[in-house]
């Protein structure tokens, strides 16, 4: 099986160093720990965004411990994505805790706001969470540099509407996930050749027609949309 690759804006690579390489490609038609600040987690609370930027960044050493504790505070499991083509709702899987906690944490930090669906592959996937805007690189720097371990054995498959996480090239023989990006499967009934290589951590439960509309947009070289497709806001539904 050919390994997927990711298209990343040059500016984001230079500024963040988070070069995310491996993302899904359509299957050809042959056959189908450091401690985390405990006071940031008391009573389900977290420090204000500005305080976190000044005092705490996620790293390879502390990310897993942080998301393990952060997940214990979570009751929400849905995120509404509002784009310039409409809105859709993602339901996150409870038994994929690190990826769920990561996605909610980034949404609450405002990371996804004004990022883009920067890769659109017809009848296959849409991929979001990046941008060639300098502000996106700055947000990544403020939040931290880290990867997530794959979690592919929870019984979730890449059905149509599945939300999954691409992997990174950063010292990455084990397909560790790039935490800032995600892709949504558009193919019907699914893209099952991705199973085992990427981590499904949620599914679109409302607004799949918007996902299809995004997937239908014209694209140029590298599957980059001809007109920018913005995630205007990511909102955790409490």
Protein backbone atom coordinates (compact mmCIF):
# COMPACT_ATOMS: atom_id res chain seq x y z
CA UNK A 1 0.00 0.00 0.00
CA UNK A 2 1.32 3.44 -0.86
CA UNK A 3 1.75 5.68 2.11
CA UNK A 4 -0.17 8.93 2.03
CA UNK A 5 1.46 12.29 1.97
CA UNK A 6 0.39 15.70 3.13
CA UNK A 7 0.57 19.09 1.46
CA UNK A 8 1.66 21.79 3.96
CA UNK A 9 2.05 25.52 3.30
CA UNK A 10 5.73 26.50 3.19
CA UNK A 11 5.25 29.39 5.60
CA UNK A 12 3.76 27.16 8.28
CA UNK A 13 6.65 24.70 7.90
CA UNK A 14 9.27 27.39 8.27
CA UNK A 15 7.66 29.01 11.27
CA UNK A 16 6.57 25.94 13.18
CA UNK A 17 8.84 23.10 12.17
CA UNK A 18 5.79 20.81 12.33
CA UNK A 19 6.24 19.19 8.94
CA UNK A 20 3.31 16.88 8.54
CA UNK A 21 3.91 14.52 5.67
CA UNK A 22 1.79 11.42 5.71
CA UNK A 23 -1.86 11.96 4.97
CA UNK A 24 -4.22 9.77 3.08
CA UNK A 25 -4.08 9.10 -0.62
CA UNK A 26 -6.93 7.49 -2.50
CA UNK A 27 -6.46 3.79 -2.97
CA UNK A 28 -5.90 3.05 -6.61
CA UNK A 29 -8.64 1.07 -8.25
CA UNK A 30 -6.81 -2.25 -8.20
CA UNK A 31 -8.73 -3.78 -5.29
CA UNK A 32 -10.74 -2.48 -3.28
CA UNK A 33 6.64 12.46 30.91
CA UNK A 34 6.87 15.46 32.59
CA UNK A 35 4.21 16.68 34.97
CA UNK A 36 1.56 19.08 33.77
CA UNK A 37 0.38 22.00 35.93
CA UNK A 38 -2.25 20.40 38.14
CA UNK A 39 -3.87 23.71 39.02
CA UNK A 40 -4.85 24.12 35.36
CA UNK A 41 -7.10 21.08 35.67
CA UNK A 42 -8.86 21.59 39.00
CA UNK A 43 -12.64 21.40 38.81
CA UNK A 44 -12.44 21.07 35.05
CA UNK A 45 -10.95 24.53 34.67
CA UNK A 46 -7.95 25.69 32.67
CA UNK A 47 -5.90 28.88 32.81
CA UNK A 48 -6.85 31.76 30.52
CA UNK A 49 -5.35 31.44 27.04
CA UNK A 50 -2.90 34.27 27.60
CA UNK A 51 -1.67 32.75 30.86
CA UNK A 52 -1.15 29.39 29.19
CA UNK A 53 0.85 31.00 26.42
CA UNK A 54 3.14 32.58 29.00
CA UNK A 55 3.52 29.65 31.40
CA UNK A 56 2.82 26.37 29.65
CA UNK A 57 3.48 24.77 26.28
CA UNK A 58 2.84 21.24 25.18
CA UNK A 59 5.92 19.19 24.34
CA UNK A 60 6.83 15.62 23.42
CA UNK A 61 7.53 15.04 27.12
CA UNK A 62 4.35 16.39 28.70
CA UNK A 63 1.58 16.07 26.08
CA UNK A 64 0.40 12.54 26.94
CA UNK A 65 0.25 13.22 30.67
CA UNK A 66 -1.53 16.49 30.02
CA UNK A 67 -4.22 14.99 27.78
CA UNK A 68 -4.67 12.01 30.12
CA UNK A 69 -5.59 14.42 32.93
CA UNK A 70 -7.45 16.84 30.67
CA UNK A 71 -9.68 14.07 29.34
CA UNK A 72 -10.85 13.31 32.91
CA UNK A 73 -12.39 16.77 33.09
CA UNK A 74 -14.36 16.48 29.85
CA UNK A 75 -18.09 16.02 29.60
CA UNK A 76 -18.46 17.50 26.11
CA UNK A 77 -17.90 15.27 23.10
CA UNK A 78 -19.12 17.38 20.18
CA UNK A 79 -17.54 20.22 18.22
CA UNK A 80 -19.37 22.46 15.76
CA UNK A 81 -17.30 23.61 12.80
CA UNK A 82 -18.56 26.73 11.05
CA UNK A 83 -17.05 27.29 7.61
CA UNK A 84 -17.66 29.77 4.83
CA UNK A 85 -19.68 27.01 3.15
CA UNK A 86 -21.87 26.16 6.15
CA UNK A 87 -21.64 24.27 9.44
CA UNK A 88 -21.28 20.66 10.52
CA UNK A 89 -21.01 18.87 13.87
CA UNK A 90 -18.38 16.30 14.85
CA UNK A 91 -19.01 13.75 17.60
CA UNK A 92 -15.79 12.53 19.22
CA UNK A 93 -15.24 8.94 20.33
CA UNK A 94 -14.86 8.48 24.08
CA UNK A 95 -12.58 5.46 23.73
CA UNK A 96 -9.93 7.40 21.77
CA UNK A 97 -9.13 9.69 24.73
CA UNK A 98 -5.90 11.44 23.71
CA UNK A 99 -7.16 12.44 20.27
CA UNK A 100 -10.54 13.49 21.66
CA UNK A 101 -8.93 15.59 24.41
CA UNK A 102 -6.49 17.13 21.93
CA UNK A 103 -9.24 18.16 19.52
CA UNK A 104 -11.38 19.74 22.25
CA UNK A 105 -8.36 21.48 23.79
CA UNK A 106 -7.35 23.01 20.45
CA UNK A 107 -10.93 24.09 19.75
CA UNK A 108 -11.15 25.80 23.14
CA UNK A 109 -7.82 27.52 22.53
CA UNK A 110 -9.23 28.95 19.31
CA UNK A 111 -6.61 27.18 17.24
CA UNK A 112 -8.92 26.07 14.42
CA UNK A 113 -10.52 29.49 13.96
CA UNK A 114 -9.53 30.91 10.56
CA UNK A 115 -7.54 27.87 9.55
CA UNK A 116 -8.51 26.29 6.25
CA UNK A 117 -9.50 23.12 4.52
CA UNK A 118 -6.28 23.21 2.58
CA UNK A 119 -6.52 19.85 0.82
CA UNK A 120 -9.56 18.58 -1.06
CA UNK A 121 -9.39 15.25 -2.90
CA UNK A 122 -12.51 14.57 -4.93
CA UNK A 123 -14.71 11.75 -3.65
CA UNK A 124 -12.09 10.86 -1.04
CA UNK A 125 -11.32 13.33 1.78
CA UNK A 126 -11.19 16.93 2.89
CA UNK A 127 -8.30 17.91 5.16
CA UNK A 128 -8.26 20.88 7.52
CA UNK A 129 -6.40 22.58 10.36
CA UNK A 130 -3.68 24.43 8.51
CA UNK A 131 -3.25 27.72 6.71
CA UNK A 132 -0.66 29.85 4.95
CA UNK A 133 -1.59 32.67 7.34
CA UNK A 134 1.24 33.69 9.69
CA UNK A 135 -1.22 33.71 12.61
CA UNK A 136 -1.69 29.93 12.34
CA UNK A 137 2.05 29.36 12.71
CA UNK A 138 2.11 31.68 15.73
CA UNK A 139 -0.76 29.77 17.36
CA UNK A 140 1.08 26.48 16.90
CA UNK A 141 4.20 27.94 18.45
CA UNK A 142 2.20 29.22 21.44
CA UNK A 143 0.44 25.89 22.05
CA UNK A 144 3.51 23.70 21.57
CA UNK A 145 5.31 21.12 19.49
CA UNK A 146 4.20 17.51 20.05
CA UNK A 147 2.79 14.38 18.41
CA UNK A 148 0.17 11.85 19.48
CA UNK A 149 0.51 8.04 19.46
CA UNK A 150 -1.69 6.11 17.01
CA UNK A 151 -4.79 4.50 18.49
CA UNK A 152 -6.13 2.28 15.73
CA UNK A 153 -7.45 -0.76 17.60
CA UNK A 154 -10.67 0.56 19.10
CA UNK A 155 -12.88 -0.88 16.36
CA UNK A 156 -13.40 2.36 14.45
CA UNK A 157 -13.06 2.25 10.69
CA UNK A 158 -12.80 4.88 7.98
CA UNK A 159 -16.46 4.95 7.04
CA UNK A 160 -17.91 7.91 5.17
CA UNK A 161 -18.05 10.85 7.60
CA UNK A 162 -15.23 9.55 9.79
CA UNK A 163 -12.88 12.16 11.24
CA UNK A 164 -9.29 10.92 11.44
CA UNK A 165 -5.83 12.31 12.07
CA UNK A 166 -2.91 12.41 9.62
CA UNK A 167 0.57 11.37 10.66
CA UNK A 168 3.74 13.42 10.81
CA UNK A 169 7.21 12.95 9.32
CA UNK A 170 8.87 14.31 12.47
CA UNK A 171 11.14 11.41 13.60
CA UNK A 172 8.17 9.22 12.95
CA UNK A 173 8.69 5.53 12.19
CA UNK A 174 5.56 4.67 14.21
CA UNK A 175 3.08 6.88 12.30
CA UNK A 176 2.57 9.27 15.22
CA UNK A 177 -0.27 11.69 14.58
CA UNK A 178 0.05 15.35 13.70
CA UNK A 179 -2.23 16.94 16.33
CA UNK A 180 -3.14 20.16 14.54
CA UNK A 181 -4.78 18.63 11.46
CA UNK A 182 -7.61 16.28 10.66
CA UNK A 183 -9.32 14.80 7.65
CA UNK A 184 -12.89 13.73 6.95
CA UNK A 185 -13.71 10.75 4.73
CA UNK A 186 -16.11 11.60 1.92
CA UNK A 187 -16.00 8.37 -0.07
CA UNK A 188 -19.09 6.17 0.16
CA UNK A 189 -19.21 3.72 1.89
CA UNK A 190 -15.70 4.49 3.17
CA UNK A 191 -11.93 4.43 2.59
CA UNK A 192 -11.06 1.24 4.40
CA UNK A 193 -7.51 0.98 3.04
CA UNK A 194 -6.69 3.69 5.62
CA UNK A 195 -7.65 1.42 8.54
CA UNK A 196 -4.70 0.55 10.73
CA UNK A 197 -2.54 3.44 9.52
CA UNK A 198 -4.55 6.44 10.78
CA UNK A 199 -6.57 7.03 13.93
CA UNK A 200 -10.32 7.62 13.55
CA UNK A 201 -11.39 9.72 16.54
CA UNK A 202 -14.86 10.98 15.60
CA UNK A 203 -17.55 11.24 12.97
CA UNK A 204 -19.71 13.89 11.38
CA UNK A 205 -23.21 13.55 12.85
CA UNK A 206 -24.79 16.66 11.37
CA UNK A 207 -24.09 18.64 8.21
CA UNK A 208 -22.47 16.00 6.02
CA UNK A 209 -23.96 17.89 3.07
CA UNK A 210 -21.61 20.76 3.95
CA UNK A 211 -18.64 18.38 3.91
CA UNK A 212 -19.77 17.20 0.46
CA UNK A 213 -20.10 20.81 -0.68
CA UNK A 214 -16.51 21.51 0.40
CA UNK A 215 -15.33 18.36 -1.37
CA UNK A 216 -17.00 19.57 -4.57
CA UNK A 217 -15.04 22.84 -4.70
CA UNK A 218 -12.57 23.29 -7.57
CA UNK A 219 -8.93 22.67 -6.73
CA UNK A 220 -5.55 23.49 -8.21
CA UNK A 221 -2.14 21.94 -7.97
CA UNK A 222 -1.57 19.84 -4.87
CA UNK A 223 -5.32 19.54 -4.17
CA UNK A 224 -5.32 23.08 -2.72
CA UNK A 225 -8.76 24.68 -3.25
CA UNK A 226 -8.87 27.37 -5.92
CA UNK A 227 -10.76 29.60 -3.45
CA UNK A 228 -9.87 29.53 0.25
CA UNK A 229 -12.18 27.41 2.39
CA UNK A 230 -12.09 28.79 5.94
CA UNK A 231 -13.01 27.27 9.26
CA UNK A 232 -14.43 30.46 10.70
CA UNK A 233 -15.05 29.02 14.17
CA UNK A 234 -14.72 25.73 16.06
CA UNK A 235 -17.11 25.62 19.02
CA UNK A 236 -17.23 22.93 21.70
CA UNK A 237 -20.87 22.06 22.37
CA UNK A 238 -21.05 21.86 26.16
